[in-house]
Amino acid sequence: MPCPWQSACSSQAVPPSTTRWELPDDTTTPRLAAALAAVGEGRADRAFELALDGFMAHARAPQAA
């Protein structure tokens, strides 16, 4: 059985020089290091959640044609 998201992903054009997981430096998705700095020492779980929320918001945003 194919992955449930396969058909949705294959319908979007992705430049051959990139993958879906390479984000440009100008993206608004927070980087993990920045998230760790924002929440302070000992808060890795919260930092991960913050970074994941940002990544998911980026992934769900409409892509420019």
N, C-alpha and C. Protein backbone atom coordinates (compact mmCIF):
# COMPACT_ATOMS: atom_id res chain seq x y z
N MET A 1 0.85 -1.18 0.00
CA MET A 1 0.00 0.00 0.00
C MET A 1 0.89 1.24 0.00
N PRO A 2 0.65 2.19 -0.91
CA PRO A 2 1.49 3.39 -0.95
C PRO A 2 1.25 4.29 0.25
N CYS A 3 2.18 5.18 0.48
CA CYS A 3 2.03 6.15 1.56
C CYS A 3 0.79 7.00 1.31
N PRO A 4 0.03 7.36 2.35
CA PRO A 4 -1.20 8.13 2.15
C PRO A 4 -0.98 9.52 1.57
N TRP A 5 0.19 10.08 1.77
CA TRP A 5 0.45 11.43 1.27
C TRP A 5 1.14 11.42 -0.09
N GLN A 6 1.44 10.27 -0.63
CA GLN A 6 2.20 10.17 -1.88
C GLN A 6 1.52 10.89 -3.03
N SER A 7 0.23 10.68 -3.24
CA SER A 7 -0.45 11.31 -4.37
C SER A 7 -0.49 12.82 -4.23
N ALA A 8 -0.67 13.31 -3.01
CA ALA A 8 -0.71 14.76 -2.80
C ALA A 8 0.65 15.38 -3.08
N CYS A 9 1.71 14.72 -2.64
CA CYS A 9 3.06 15.25 -2.84
C CYS A 9 3.47 15.20 -4.31
N SER A 10 3.10 14.13 -5.00
CA SER A 10 3.55 13.99 -6.38
C SER A 10 2.86 14.97 -7.32
N SER A 11 1.75 15.56 -6.89
CA SER A 11 1.05 16.51 -7.76
C SER A 11 1.67 17.90 -7.71
N GLN A 12 2.58 18.15 -6.78
CA GLN A 12 3.22 19.46 -6.66
C GLN A 12 4.60 19.41 -7.29
N ALA A 13 4.91 20.43 -8.05
CA ALA A 13 6.21 20.49 -8.71
C ALA A 13 7.29 20.87 -7.70
N VAL A 14 8.37 20.13 -7.69
CA VAL A 14 9.51 20.42 -6.82
C VAL A 14 10.72 20.58 -7.72
N PRO A 15 11.44 21.71 -7.61
CA PRO A 15 12.63 21.90 -8.43
C PRO A 15 13.60 20.73 -8.23
N PRO A 16 14.24 20.25 -9.29
CA PRO A 16 15.13 19.08 -9.17
C PRO A 16 16.31 19.29 -8.24
N SER A 17 16.69 20.53 -7.98
CA SER A 17 17.86 20.78 -7.13
C SER A 17 17.52 20.77 -5.65
N THR A 18 16.26 20.59 -5.30
CA THR A 18 15.88 20.61 -3.89
C THR A 18 15.07 19.37 -3.55
N THR A 19 14.90 19.16 -2.26
CA THR A 19 13.98 18.14 -1.78
C THR A 19 12.95 18.85 -0.92
N ARG A 20 11.94 18.15 -0.52
CA ARG A 20 10.91 18.74 0.32
C ARG A 20 11.46 19.13 1.69
N TRP A 21 12.57 18.56 2.10
CA TRP A 21 13.07 18.78 3.45
C TRP A 21 14.17 19.83 3.52
N GLU A 22 14.56 20.41 2.39
CA GLU A 22 15.55 21.48 2.38
C GLU A 22 14.81 22.81 2.36
N LEU A 23 14.90 23.54 3.45
CA LEU A 23 14.21 24.82 3.54
C LEU A 23 15.19 25.95 3.25
N PRO A 24 14.77 26.94 2.49
CA PRO A 24 15.66 28.07 2.21
C PRO A 24 15.93 28.87 3.48
N ASP A 25 17.05 29.59 3.49
CA ASP A 25 17.42 30.38 4.67
C ASP A 25 16.41 31.47 4.99
N ASP A 26 15.67 31.94 4.00
CA ASP A 26 14.72 33.03 4.25
C ASP A 26 13.34 32.53 4.68
N THR A 27 13.21 31.25 4.98
CA THR A 27 11.92 30.72 5.41
C THR A 27 11.57 31.23 6.80
N THR A 28 10.29 31.30 7.09
CA THR A 28 9.85 31.77 8.40
C THR A 28 9.76 30.63 9.40
N THR A 29 10.06 29.42 8.97
CA THR A 29 10.04 28.28 9.88
C THR A 29 11.21 28.38 10.85
N PRO A 30 10.95 28.31 12.16
CA PRO A 30 12.06 28.45 13.11
C PRO A 30 13.02 27.27 13.04
N ARG A 31 14.27 27.55 13.15
CA ARG A 31 15.29 26.51 13.21
C ARG A 31 15.34 25.99 14.65
N LEU A 32 15.77 24.76 14.81
CA LEU A 32 15.80 24.17 16.14
C LEU A 32 16.71 24.94 17.08
N ALA A 33 17.88 25.39 16.61
CA ALA A 33 18.79 26.14 17.47
C ALA A 33 18.13 27.42 17.97
N ALA A 34 17.41 28.10 17.09
CA ALA A 34 16.72 29.33 17.50
C ALA A 34 15.61 29.00 18.49
N ALA A 35 14.92 27.89 18.27
CA ALA A 35 13.86 27.49 19.19
C ALA A 35 14.43 27.14 20.56
N LEU A 36 15.56 26.43 20.58
CA LEU A 36 16.20 26.11 21.85
C LEU A 36 16.59 27.36 22.61
N ALA A 37 17.14 28.34 21.90
CA ALA A 37 17.54 29.59 22.53
C ALA A 37 16.32 30.34 23.07
N ALA A 38 15.21 30.25 22.38
CA ALA A 38 14.01 30.99 22.77
C ALA A 38 13.36 30.45 24.04
N VAL A 39 13.44 29.16 24.27
CA VAL A 39 12.75 28.58 25.42
C VAL A 39 13.65 28.34 26.62
N GLY A 40 14.95 28.49 26.44
CA GLY A 40 15.86 28.36 27.57
C GLY A 40 16.35 26.95 27.81
N GLU A 41 17.35 26.85 28.68
CA GLU A 41 17.99 25.57 28.97
C GLU A 41 17.02 24.60 29.63
N GLY A 42 17.15 23.32 29.27
CA GLY A 42 16.32 22.30 29.88
C GLY A 42 14.92 22.20 29.30
N ARG A 43 14.67 22.89 28.22
CA ARG A 43 13.32 22.88 27.63
C ARG A 43 13.34 22.33 26.21
N ALA A 44 14.08 21.27 25.98
CA ALA A 44 14.21 20.71 24.63
C ALA A 44 12.88 20.25 24.07
N ASP A 45 12.01 19.69 24.91
CA ASP A 45 10.71 19.24 24.42
C ASP A 45 9.90 20.40 23.87
N ARG A 46 9.87 21.50 24.60
CA ARG A 46 9.12 22.68 24.14
C ARG A 46 9.76 23.25 22.88
N ALA A 47 11.08 23.24 22.82
CA ALA A 47 11.76 23.75 21.63
C ALA A 47 11.42 22.89 20.41
N PHE A 48 11.38 21.58 20.61
CA PHE A 48 11.02 20.70 19.51
C PHE A 48 9.60 20.99 19.04
N GLU A 49 8.68 21.14 19.97
CA GLU A 49 7.29 21.44 19.62
C GLU A 49 7.18 22.77 18.87
N LEU A 50 7.93 23.77 19.30
CA LEU A 50 7.93 25.07 18.64
C LEU A 50 8.44 24.94 17.21
N ALA A 51 9.54 24.22 17.04
CA ALA A 51 10.10 24.03 15.69
C ALA A 51 9.15 23.21 14.83
N LEU A 52 8.55 22.18 15.40
CA LEU A 52 7.61 21.35 14.64
C LEU A 52 6.38 22.15 14.23
N ASP A 53 5.85 22.96 15.13
CA ASP A 53 4.70 23.81 14.79
C ASP A 53 5.04 24.74 13.62
N GLY A 54 6.22 25.33 13.67
CA GLY A 54 6.64 26.22 12.59
C GLY A 54 6.81 25.49 11.28
N PHE A 55 7.40 24.30 11.34
CA PHE A 55 7.58 23.51 10.13
C PHE A 55 6.24 23.10 9.54
N MET A 56 5.33 22.65 10.38
CA MET A 56 4.02 22.22 9.89
C MET A 56 3.24 23.39 9.30
N ALA A 57 3.34 24.56 9.90
CA ALA A 57 2.68 25.74 9.33
C ALA A 57 3.26 26.05 7.95
N HIS A 58 4.57 25.93 7.83
CA HIS A 58 5.22 26.15 6.53
C HIS A 58 4.76 25.10 5.51
N ALA A 59 4.71 23.86 5.93
CA ALA A 59 4.33 22.77 5.03
C ALA A 59 2.87 22.89 4.57
N ARG A 60 2.02 23.41 5.43
CA ARG A 60 0.59 23.53 5.09
C ARG A 60 0.27 24.80 4.30
N ALA A 61 1.19 25.74 4.27
CA ALA A 61 0.94 27.01 3.58
C ALA A 61 0.83 26.76 2.07
N PRO A 62 -0.04 27.50 1.42
CA PRO A 62 -0.14 27.36 -0.05
C PRO A 62 1.19 27.70 -0.70
N GLN A 63 1.57 26.91 -1.68
CA GLN A 63 2.83 27.13 -2.39
C GLN A 63 2.61 28.08 -3.56
N ALA A 64 3.56 28.97 -3.78
CA ALA A 64 3.48 29.89 -4.92
C ALA A 64 3.65 29.11 -6.21
N ALA A 65 2.88 29.47 -7.20
CA ALA A 65 2.94 28.73 -8.48
C ALA A 65 4.06 29.25 -9.35
